[in-house]
PDB file of N, CA and C in Angstrom:
ATOM      1  N   MET A   1     -27.809 -25.539 -53.366  1.00  0.00           N
ATOM      2  CA  MET A   1     -27.218 -26.687 -52.717  1.00  0.00           C
ATOM      3  C   MET A   1     -25.697 -26.488 -52.685  1.00  0.00           C
ATOM      4  N   ILE A   2     -25.073 -26.878 -51.590  1.00  0.00           N
ATOM      5  CA  ILE A   2     -23.625 -26.797 -51.488  1.00  0.00           C
ATOM      6  C   ILE A   2     -23.017 -27.992 -52.216  1.00  0.00           C
ATOM      7  N   LYS A   3     -22.117 -27.701 -53.156  1.00  0.00           N
ATOM      8  CA  LYS A   3     -21.456 -28.754 -53.936  1.00  0.00           C
ATOM      9  C   LYS A   3     -20.004 -28.983 -53.536  1.00  0.00           C
ATOM     10  N   SER A   4     -19.316 -27.946 -53.025  1.00  0.00           N
ATOM     11  CA  SER A   4     -17.910 -28.154 -52.658  1.00  0.00           C
ATOM     12  C   SER A   4     -17.461 -27.184 -51.567  1.00  0.00           C
ATOM     13  N   PHE A   5     -16.514 -27.643 -50.782  1.00  0.00           N
ATOM     14  CA  PHE A   5     -15.925 -26.855 -49.703  1.00  0.00           C
ATOM     15  C   PHE A   5     -14.437 -26.656 -49.952  1.00  0.00           C
ATOM     16  N   LYS A   6     -13.943 -25.443 -49.703  1.00  0.00           N
ATOM     17  CA  LYS A   6     -12.502 -25.189 -49.697  1.00  0.00           C
ATOM     18  C   LYS A   6     -11.950 -25.498 -48.309  1.00  0.00           C
ATOM     19  N   HIS A   7     -12.752 -25.219 -47.289  1.00  0.00           N
ATOM     20  CA  HIS A   7     -12.340 -25.412 -45.901  1.00  0.00           C
ATOM     21  C   HIS A   7     -12.847 -26.765 -45.412  1.00  0.00           C
ATOM     22  N   ARG A   8     -11.920 -27.660 -45.150  1.00  0.00           N
ATOM     23  CA  ARG A   8     -12.270 -29.029 -44.740  1.00  0.00           C
ATOM     24  C   ARG A   8     -13.135 -29.050 -43.481  1.00  0.00           C
ATOM     25  N   GLY A   9     -12.866 -28.129 -42.550  1.00  0.00           N
ATOM     26  CA  GLY A   9     -13.632 -28.084 -41.306  1.00  0.00           C
ATOM     27  C   GLY A   9     -15.103 -27.769 -41.521  1.00  0.00           C
ATOM     28  N   LEU A  10     -15.396 -26.902 -42.478  1.00  0.00           N
ATOM     29  CA  LEU A  10     -16.802 -26.606 -42.782  1.00  0.00           C
ATOM     30  C   LEU A  10     -17.502 -27.831 -43.350  1.00  0.00           C
ATOM     31  N   GLY A  11     -16.811 -28.564 -44.194  1.00  0.00           N
ATOM     32  CA  GLY A  11     -17.382 -29.798 -44.739  1.00  0.00           C
ATOM     33  C   GLY A  11     -17.681 -30.795 -43.642  1.00  0.00           C
ATOM     34  N   LYS A  12     -16.754 -30.923 -42.688  1.00  0.00           N
ATOM     35  CA  LYS A  12     -16.976 -31.853 -41.570  1.00  0.00           C
ATOM     36  C   LYS A  12     -18.149 -31.398 -40.705  1.00  0.00           C
ATOM     37  N   LEU A  13     -18.248 -30.093 -40.467  1.00  0.00           N
ATOM     38  CA  LEU A  13     -19.371 -29.576 -39.685  1.00  0.00           C
ATOM     39  C   LEU A  13     -20.682 -29.843 -40.412  1.00  0.00           C
ATOM     40  N   PHE A  14     -20.721 -29.555 -41.692  1.00  0.00           N
ATOM     41  CA  PHE A  14     -21.950 -29.699 -42.471  1.00  0.00           C
ATOM     42  C   PHE A  14     -22.390 -31.157 -42.602  1.00  0.00           C
ATOM     43  N   HIS A  15     -21.454 -32.037 -42.932  1.00  0.00           N
ATOM     44  CA  HIS A  15     -21.810 -33.431 -43.191  1.00  0.00           C
ATOM     45  C   HIS A  15     -21.897 -34.298 -41.943  1.00  0.00           C
ATOM     46  N   ASN A  16     -21.060 -34.009 -40.933  1.00  0.00           N
ATOM     47  CA  ASN A  16     -20.966 -34.908 -39.776  1.00  0.00           C
ATOM     48  C   ASN A  16     -21.188 -34.243 -38.429  1.00  0.00           C
ATOM     49  N   ASP A  17     -21.522 -32.944 -38.428  1.00  0.00           N
ATOM     50  CA  ASP A  17     -21.651 -32.175 -37.188  1.00  0.00           C
ATOM     51  C   ASP A  17     -20.367 -32.262 -36.355  1.00  0.00           C
ATOM     52  N   ASP A  18     -19.228 -32.338 -37.029  1.00  0.00           N
ATOM     53  CA  ASP A  18     -17.907 -32.425 -36.402  1.00  0.00           C
ATOM     54  C   ASP A  18     -17.328 -31.018 -36.296  1.00  0.00           C
ATOM     55  N   GLN A  19     -17.145 -30.514 -35.083  1.00  0.00           N
ATOM     56  CA  GLN A  19     -16.679 -29.155 -34.845  1.00  0.00           C
ATOM     57  C   GLN A  19     -15.173 -29.073 -34.613  1.00  0.00           C
ATOM     58  N   SER A  20     -14.453 -30.131 -34.866  1.00  0.00           N
ATOM     59  CA  SER A  20     -13.041 -30.193 -34.488  1.00  0.00           C
ATOM     60  C   SER A  20     -12.133 -29.256 -35.280  1.00  0.00           C
ATOM     61  N   ARG A  21     -12.540 -28.780 -36.441  1.00  0.00           N
ATOM     62  CA  ARG A  21     -11.661 -27.928 -37.256  1.00  0.00           C
ATOM     63  C   ARG A  21     -12.179 -26.512 -37.442  1.00  0.00           C
ATOM     64  N   ILE A  22     -13.085 -26.112 -36.561  1.00  0.00           N
ATOM     65  CA  ILE A  22     -13.581 -24.734 -36.567  1.00  0.00           C
ATOM     66  C   ILE A  22     -13.495 -24.203 -35.144  1.00  0.00           C
ATOM     67  N   LYS A  23     -13.658 -22.901 -35.003  1.00  0.00           N
ATOM     68  CA  LYS A  23     -13.708 -22.322 -33.659  1.00  0.00           C
ATOM     69  C   LYS A  23     -15.036 -22.737 -33.024  1.00  0.00           C
ATOM     70  N   PRO A  24     -14.987 -23.388 -31.874  1.00  0.00           N
ATOM     71  CA  PRO A  24     -16.222 -23.885 -31.252  1.00  0.00           C
ATOM     72  C   PRO A  24     -17.272 -22.802 -31.015  1.00  0.00           C
ATOM     73  N   GLU A  25     -16.818 -21.585 -30.701  1.00  0.00           N
ATOM     74  CA  GLU A  25     -17.765 -20.499 -30.442  1.00  0.00           C
ATOM     75  C   GLU A  25     -18.484 -20.034 -31.716  1.00  0.00           C
ATOM     76  N   HIS A  26     -18.011 -20.457 -32.878  1.00  0.00           N
ATOM     77  CA  HIS A  26     -18.656 -20.109 -34.144  1.00  0.00           C
ATOM     78  C   HIS A  26     -19.589 -21.209 -34.644  1.00  0.00           C
ATOM     79  N   ALA A  27     -19.596 -22.348 -34.005  1.00  0.00           N
ATOM     80  CA  ALA A  27     -20.299 -23.529 -34.520  1.00  0.00           C
ATOM     81  C   ALA A  27     -21.776 -23.307 -34.808  1.00  0.00           C
ATOM     82  N   SER A  28     -22.515 -22.707 -33.898  1.00  0.00           N
ATOM     83  CA  SER A  28     -23.956 -22.570 -34.117  1.00  0.00           C
ATOM     84  C   SER A  28     -24.255 -21.616 -35.267  1.00  0.00           C
ATOM     85  N   LYS A  29     -23.528 -20.503 -35.361  1.00  0.00           N
ATOM     86  CA  LYS A  29     -23.782 -19.573 -36.465  1.00  0.00           C
ATOM     87  C   LYS A  29     -23.326 -20.182 -37.784  1.00  0.00           C
ATOM     88  N   LEU A  30     -22.184 -20.864 -37.787  1.00  0.00           N
ATOM     89  CA  LEU A  30     -21.732 -21.518 -39.012  1.00  0.00           C
ATOM     90  C   LEU A  30     -22.756 -22.545 -39.486  1.00  0.00           C
ATOM     91  N   ALA A  31     -23.318 -23.295 -38.569  1.00  0.00           N
ATOM     92  CA  ALA A  31     -24.330 -24.298 -38.938  1.00  0.00           C
ATOM     93  C   ALA A  31     -25.540 -23.624 -39.580  1.00  0.00           C
ATOM     94  N   ARG A  32     -25.977 -22.493 -39.031  1.00  0.00           N
ATOM     95  CA  ARG A  32     -27.117 -21.763 -39.610  1.00  0.00           C
ATOM     96  C   ARG A  32     -26.772 -21.237 -41.003  1.00  0.00           C
ATOM     97  N   ILE A  33     -25.560 -20.681 -41.155  1.00  0.00           N
ATOM     98  CA  ILE A  33     -25.133 -20.169 -42.454  1.00  0.00           C
ATOM     99  C   ILE A  33     -25.093 -21.296 -43.479  1.00  0.00           C
ATOM    100  N   LEU A  34     -24.515 -22.435 -43.112  1.00  0.00           N
ATOM    101  CA  LEU A  34     -24.417 -23.560 -44.048  1.00  0.00           C
ATOM    102  C   LEU A  34     -25.786 -24.121 -44.409  1.00  0.00           C
ATOM    103  N   ASP A  35     -26.690 -24.197 -43.440  1.00  0.00           N
ATOM    104  CA  ASP A  35     -28.052 -24.663 -43.741  1.00  0.00           C
ATOM    105  C   ASP A  35     -28.733 -23.746 -44.746  1.00  0.00           C
ATOM    106  N   ARG A  36     -28.594 -22.442 -44.529  1.00  0.00           N
ATOM    107  CA  ARG A  36     -29.205 -21.476 -45.439  1.00  0.00           C
ATOM    108  C   ARG A  36     -28.544 -21.535 -46.819  1.00  0.00           C
ATOM    109  N   LEU A  37     -27.216 -21.640 -46.833  1.00  0.00           N
ATOM    110  CA  LEU A  37     -26.497 -21.708 -48.103  1.00  0.00           C
ATOM    111  C   LEU A  37     -26.893 -22.955 -48.886  1.00  0.00           C
ATOM    112  N   ASP A  38     -27.086 -24.069 -48.197  1.00  0.00           N
ATOM    113  CA  ASP A  38     -27.493 -25.304 -48.863  1.00  0.00           C
ATOM    114  C   ASP A  38     -28.890 -25.176 -49.471  1.00  0.00           C
ATOM    115  N   ALA A  39     -29.740 -24.375 -48.860  1.00  0.00           N
ATOM    116  CA  ALA A  39     -31.100 -24.178 -49.365  1.00  0.00           C
ATOM    117  C   ALA A  39     -31.170 -23.086 -50.433  1.00  0.00           C
ATOM    118  N   SER A  40     -30.086 -22.351 -50.632  1.00  0.00           N
ATOM    119  CA  SER A  40     -30.072 -21.222 -51.561  1.00  0.00           C
ATOM    120  C   SER A  40     -29.800 -21.667 -52.993  1.00  0.00           C
ATOM    121  N   SER A  41     -30.406 -20.937 -53.936  1.00  0.00           N
ATOM    122  CA  SER A  41     -30.158 -21.218 -55.349  1.00  0.00           C
ATOM    123  C   SER A  41     -29.527 -20.022 -56.058  1.00  0.00           C
ATOM    124  N   ARG A  42     -29.282 -18.954 -55.304  1.00  0.00           N
ATOM    125  CA  ARG A  42     -28.628 -17.764 -55.842  1.00  0.00           C
ATOM    126  C   ARG A  42     -28.019 -16.981 -54.680  1.00  0.00           C
ATOM    127  N   PRO A  43     -27.009 -16.192 -54.930  1.00  0.00           N
ATOM    128  CA  PRO A  43     -26.338 -15.466 -53.842  1.00  0.00           C
ATOM    129  C   PRO A  43     -27.278 -14.584 -53.030  1.00  0.00           C
ATOM    130  N   GLN A  44     -28.248 -13.953 -53.671  1.00  0.00           N
ATOM    131  CA  GLN A  44     -29.150 -13.041 -52.975  1.00  0.00           C
ATOM    132  C   GLN A  44     -29.966 -13.736 -51.882  1.00  0.00           C
ATOM    133  N   ASP A  45     -30.093 -15.051 -51.954  1.00  0.00           N
ATOM    134  CA  ASP A  45     -30.812 -15.791 -50.924  1.00  0.00           C
ATOM    135  C   ASP A  45     -30.085 -15.722 -49.575  1.00  0.00           C
ATOM    136  N   MET A  46     -28.824 -15.337 -49.594  1.00  0.00           N
ATOM    137  CA  MET A  46     -28.028 -15.222 -48.360  1.00  0.00           C
ATOM    138  C   MET A  46     -28.076 -13.811 -47.772  1.00  0.00           C
ATOM    139  N   ASN A  47     -28.863 -12.929 -48.363  1.00  0.00           N
ATOM    140  CA  ASN A  47     -28.943 -11.549 -47.908  1.00  0.00           C
ATOM    141  C   ASN A  47     -29.944 -11.439 -46.756  1.00  0.00           C
ATOM    142  N   LEU A  48     -29.525 -11.924 -45.598  1.00  0.00           N
ATOM    143  CA  LEU A  48     -30.363 -11.923 -44.396  1.00  0.00           C
ATOM    144  C   LEU A  48     -29.790 -10.940 -43.374  1.00  0.00           C
ATOM    145  N   PRO A  49     -30.634 -10.468 -42.452  1.00  0.00           N
ATOM    146  CA  PRO A  49     -30.120  -9.579 -41.409  1.00  0.00           C
ATOM    147  C   PRO A  49     -28.955 -10.234 -40.659  1.00  0.00           C
ATOM    148  N   ASN A  50     -27.960  -9.452 -40.351  1.00  0.00           N
ATOM    149  CA  ASN A  50     -26.761  -9.871 -39.613  1.00  0.00           C
ATOM    150  C   ASN A  50     -25.816 -10.773 -40.397  1.00  0.00           C
ATOM    151  N   TYR A  51     -26.084 -11.051 -41.663  1.00  0.00           N
ATOM    152  CA  TYR A  51     -25.145 -11.833 -42.469  1.00  0.00           C
ATOM    153  C   TYR A  51     -24.234 -10.929 -43.285  1.00  0.00           C
ATOM    154  N   LYS A  52     -24.655  -9.694 -43.521  1.00  0.00           N
ATOM    155  CA  LYS A  52     -23.841  -8.685 -44.208  1.00  0.00           C
ATOM    156  C   LYS A  52     -23.263  -9.208 -45.532  1.00  0.00           C
ATOM    157  N   LEU A  53     -24.130  -9.756 -46.351  1.00  0.00           N
ATOM    158  CA  LEU A  53     -23.714 -10.280 -47.654  1.00  0.00           C
ATOM    159  C   LEU A  53     -23.073  -9.187 -48.487  1.00  0.00           C
ATOM    160  N   HIS A  54     -21.918  -9.484 -49.077  1.00  0.00           N
ATOM    161  CA  HIS A  54     -21.296  -8.544 -50.004  1.00  0.00           C
ATOM    162  C   HIS A  54     -20.389  -9.274 -50.984  1.00  0.00           C
ATOM    163  N   LYS A  55     -20.125  -8.607 -52.118  1.00  0.00           N
ATOM    164  CA  LYS A  55     -19.241  -9.133 -53.154  1.00  0.00           C
ATOM    165  C   LYS A  55     -17.800  -8.792 -52.799  1.00  0.00           C
ATOM    166  N   LEU A  56     -16.894  -9.709 -53.109  1.00  0.00           N
ATOM    167  CA  LEU A  56     -15.475  -9.434 -52.959  1.00  0.00           C
ATOM    168  C   LEU A  56     -14.928  -8.970 -54.306  1.00  0.00           C
ATOM    169  N   SER A  57     -13.783  -8.309 -54.264  1.00  0.00           N
ATOM    170  CA  SER A  57     -13.185  -7.801 -55.494  1.00  0.00           C
ATOM    171  C   SER A  57     -11.739  -8.257 -55.593  1.00  0.00           C
ATOM    172  N   GLY A  58     -11.055  -7.771 -56.591  1.00  0.00           N
ATOM    173  CA  GLY A  58      -9.649  -8.140 -56.792  1.00  0.00           C
ATOM    174  C   GLY A  58      -9.514  -9.597 -57.161  1.00  0.00           C
ATOM    175  N   LYS A  59      -8.555 -10.284 -56.517  1.00  0.00           N
ATOM    176  CA  LYS A  59      -8.313 -11.694 -56.837  1.00  0.00           C
ATOM    177  C   LYS A  59      -9.493 -12.583 -56.450  1.00  0.00           C
ATOM    178  N   ASP A  60     -10.373 -12.079 -55.597  1.00  0.00           N
ATOM    179  CA  ASP A  60     -11.546 -12.837 -55.163  1.00  0.00           C
ATOM    180  C   ASP A  60     -12.824 -12.429 -55.901  1.00  0.00           C
ATOM    181  N   LYS A  61     -12.672 -11.758 -57.039  1.00  0.00           N
ATOM    182  CA  LYS A  61     -13.838 -11.334 -57.807  1.00  0.00           C
ATOM    183  C   LYS A  61     -14.713 -12.549 -58.128  1.00  0.00           C
ATOM    184  N   GLY A  62     -16.016 -12.371 -57.967  1.00  0.00           N
ATOM    185  CA  GLY A  62     -16.958 -13.461 -58.199  1.00  0.00           C
ATOM    186  C   GLY A  62     -17.300 -14.229 -56.931  1.00  0.00           C
ATOM    187  N   THR A  63     -16.618 -13.903 -55.849  1.00  0.00           N
ATOM    188  CA  THR A  63     -16.854 -14.551 -54.560  1.00  0.00           C
ATOM    189  C   THR A  63     -17.726 -13.642 -53.705  1.00  0.00           C
ATOM    190  N   ARG A  64     -18.603 -14.243 -52.934  1.00  0.00           N
ATOM    191  CA  ARG A  64     -19.451 -13.506 -51.980  1.00  0.00           C
ATOM    192  C   ARG A  64     -19.008 -13.858 -50.576  1.00  0.00           C
ATOM    193  N   SER A  65     -19.361 -13.002 -49.645  1.00  0.00           N
ATOM    194  CA  SER A  65     -18.968 -13.190 -48.257  1.00  0.00           C
ATOM    195  C   SER A  65     -20.144 -12.888 -47.338  1.00  0.00           C
ATOM    196  N   VAL A  66     -20.279 -13.672 -46.275  1.00  0.00           N
ATOM    197  CA  VAL A  66     -21.214 -13.366 -45.195  1.00  0.00           C
ATOM    198  C   VAL A  66     -20.431 -13.363 -43.884  1.00  0.00           C
ATOM    199  N   TRP A  67     -20.878 -12.542 -42.971  1.00  0.00           N
ATOM    200  CA  TRP A  67     -20.212 -12.310 -41.701  1.00  0.00           C
ATOM    201  C   TRP A  67     -20.547 -13.411 -40.691  1.00  0.00           C
ATOM    202  N   VAL A  68     -19.530 -13.905 -40.014  1.00  0.00           N
ATOM    203  CA  VAL A  68     -19.742 -14.844 -38.911  1.00  0.00           C
ATOM    204  C   VAL A  68     -19.668 -14.050 -37.611  1.00  0.00           C
ATOM    205  N   THR A  69     -18.482 -13.502 -37.311  1.00  0.00           N
ATOM    206  CA  THR A  69     -18.273 -12.633 -36.160  1.00  0.00           C
ATOM    207  C   THR A  69     -16.892 -12.015 -36.263  1.00  0.00           C
ATOM    208  N   GLY A  70     -16.732 -10.841 -35.731  1.00  0.00           N
ATOM    209  CA  GLY A  70     -15.427 -10.188 -35.779  1.00  0.00           C
ATOM    210  C   GLY A  70     -14.883 -10.151 -37.196  1.00  0.00           C
ATOM    211  N   ASN A  71     -13.682 -10.690 -37.388  1.00  0.00           N
ATOM    212  CA  ASN A  71     -13.051 -10.738 -38.712  1.00  0.00           C
ATOM    213  C   ASN A  71     -13.374 -12.010 -39.488  1.00  0.00           C
ATOM    214  N   TRP A  72     -14.128 -12.910 -38.921  1.00  0.00           N
ATOM    215  CA  TRP A  72     -14.407 -14.207 -39.553  1.00  0.00           C
ATOM    216  C   TRP A  72     -15.560 -14.114 -40.536  1.00  0.00           C
ATOM    217  N   ARG A  73     -15.349 -14.740 -41.706  1.00  0.00           N
ATOM    218  CA  ARG A  73     -16.335 -14.742 -42.780  1.00  0.00           C
ATOM    219  C   ARG A  73     -16.469 -16.142 -43.384  1.00  0.00           C
ATOM    220  N   VAL A  74     -17.629 -16.410 -43.958  1.00  0.00           N
ATOM    221  CA  VAL A  74     -17.817 -17.561 -44.831  1.00  0.00           C
ATOM    222  C   VAL A  74     -17.894 -16.989 -46.237  1.00  0.00           C
ATOM    223  N   THR A  75     -17.051 -17.497 -47.125  1.00  0.00           N
ATOM    224  CA  THR A  75     -17.058 -17.036 -48.513  1.00  0.00           C
ATOM    225  C   THR A  75     -17.495 -18.190 -49.411  1.00  0.00           C
ATOM    226  N   PHE A  76     -18.044 -17.827 -50.567  1.00  0.00           N
ATOM    227  CA  PHE A  76     -18.563 -18.838 -51.488  1.00  0.00           C
ATOM    228  C   PHE A  76     -18.751 -18.224 -52.861  1.00  0.00           C
ATOM    229  N   LYS A  77     -18.874 -19.087 -53.839  1.00  0.00           N
ATOM    230  CA  LYS A  77     -19.231 -18.714 -55.204  1.00  0.00           C
ATOM    231  C   LYS A  77     -20.457 -19.530 -55.580  1.00  0.00           C
ATOM    232  N   PHE A  78     -21.137 -19.101 -56.619  1.00  0.00           N
ATOM    233  CA  PHE A  78     -22.241 -19.883 -57.162  1.00  0.00           C
ATOM    234  C   PHE A  78     -21.881 -20.331 -58.565  1.00  0.00           C
ATOM    235  N   ASP A  79     -22.145 -21.595 -58.834  1.00  0.00           N
ATOM    236  CA  ASP A  79     -22.003 -22.181 -60.160  1.00  0.00           C
ATOM    237  C   ASP A  79     -23.399 -22.669 -60.522  1.00  0.00           C
ATOM    238  N   GLY A  80     -24.077 -21.896 -61.329  1.00  0.00           N
ATOM    239  CA  GLY A  80     -25.489 -22.195 -61.592  1.00  0.00           C
ATOM    240  C   GLY A  80     -26.278 -21.955 -60.317  1.00  0.00           C
ATOM    241  N   ASN A  81     -27.012 -22.977 -59.880  1.00  0.00           N
ATOM    242  CA  ASN A  81     -27.811 -22.870 -58.653  1.00  0.00           C
ATOM    243  C   ASN A  81     -27.115 -23.469 -57.447  1.00  0.00           C
ATOM    244  N   ASN A  82     -25.826 -23.762 -57.544  1.00  0.00           N
ATOM    245  CA  ASN A  82     -25.106 -24.444 -56.471  1.00  0.00           C
ATOM    246  C   ASN A  82     -23.976 -23.602 -55.894  1.00  0.00           C
ATOM    247  N   ALA A  83     -23.831 -23.662 -54.591  1.00  0.00           N
ATOM    248  CA  ALA A  83     -22.722 -22.993 -53.912  1.00  0.00           C
ATOM    249  C   ALA A  83     -21.485 -23.877 -54.022  1.00  0.00           C
ATOM    250  N   VAL A  84     -20.366 -23.261 -54.378  1.00  0.00           N
ATOM    251  CA  VAL A  84     -19.102 -23.991 -54.518  1.00  0.00           C
ATOM    252  C   VAL A  84     -17.996 -23.208 -53.811  1.00  0.00           C
ATOM    253  N   ALA A  85     -16.891 -23.888 -53.551  1.00  0.00           N
ATOM    254  CA  ALA A  85     -15.709 -23.270 -52.945  1.00  0.00           C
ATOM    255  C   ALA A  85     -16.061 -22.550 -51.642  1.00  0.00           C
ATOM    256  N   VAL A  86     -16.862 -23.192 -50.802  1.00  0.00           N
ATOM    257  CA  VAL A  86     -17.282 -22.590 -49.537  1.00  0.00           C
ATOM    258  C   VAL A  86     -16.093 -22.615 -48.580  1.00  0.00           C
ATOM    259  N   ASP A  87     -15.755 -21.444 -48.045  1.00  0.00           N
ATOM    260  CA  ASP A  87     -14.555 -21.286 -47.231  1.00  0.00           C
ATOM    261  C   ASP A  87     -14.889 -20.553 -45.929  1.00  0.00           C
ATOM    262  N   TYR A  88     -14.017 -20.687 -44.953  1.00  0.00           N
ATOM    263  CA  TYR A  88     -14.133 -20.073 -43.621  1.00  0.00           C
ATOM    264  C   TYR A  88     -12.825 -19.339 -43.391  1.00  0.00           C
ATOM    265  N   ARG A  89     -12.871 -18.002 -43.291  1.00  0.00           N
ATOM    266  CA  ARG A  89     -11.647 -17.201 -43.267  1.00  0.00           C
ATOM    267  C   ARG A  89     -11.650 -16.142 -42.171  1.00  0.00           C
ATOM    268  N   ASP A  90     -10.450 -15.875 -41.667  1.00  0.00           N
ATOM    269  CA  ASP A  90     -10.203 -14.737 -40.798  1.00  0.00           C
ATOM    270  C   ASP A  90      -9.554 -13.682 -41.674  1.00  0.00           C
ATOM    271  N   TYR A  91     -10.242 -12.572 -41.919  1.00  0.00           N
ATOM    272  CA  TYR A  91      -9.747 -11.575 -42.874  1.00  0.00           C
ATOM    273  C   TYR A  91      -8.612 -10.709 -42.370  1.00  0.00           C
ATOM    274  N   HIS A  92      -8.333 -10.687 -41.081  1.00  0.00           N
ATOM    275  CA  HIS A  92      -7.257  -9.795 -40.618  1.00  0.00           C
ATOM    276  C   HIS A  92      -6.332 -10.502 -39.669  1.00  0.00           C
TER     277      HIS A  92
END
């Protein structure tokens, strides 16, 4: 279950279907990612085709990332069985 968002726009999309703070062309994939993340109880549950799940390192150690498109990623951590600090980032 998703417990917290770092990116306010993702929270608005997830809770209110409000796309105003995300790239509109990413909305449908972001919605699918968030639905799956909310149903997940461990990071490995996000290891689906085309999501390219991977661990981050360095200052982001403990964070996982899934691919949205191009340089855009959704990142998250797990605290127990819950996803926390869910973020939407352009890596480059």
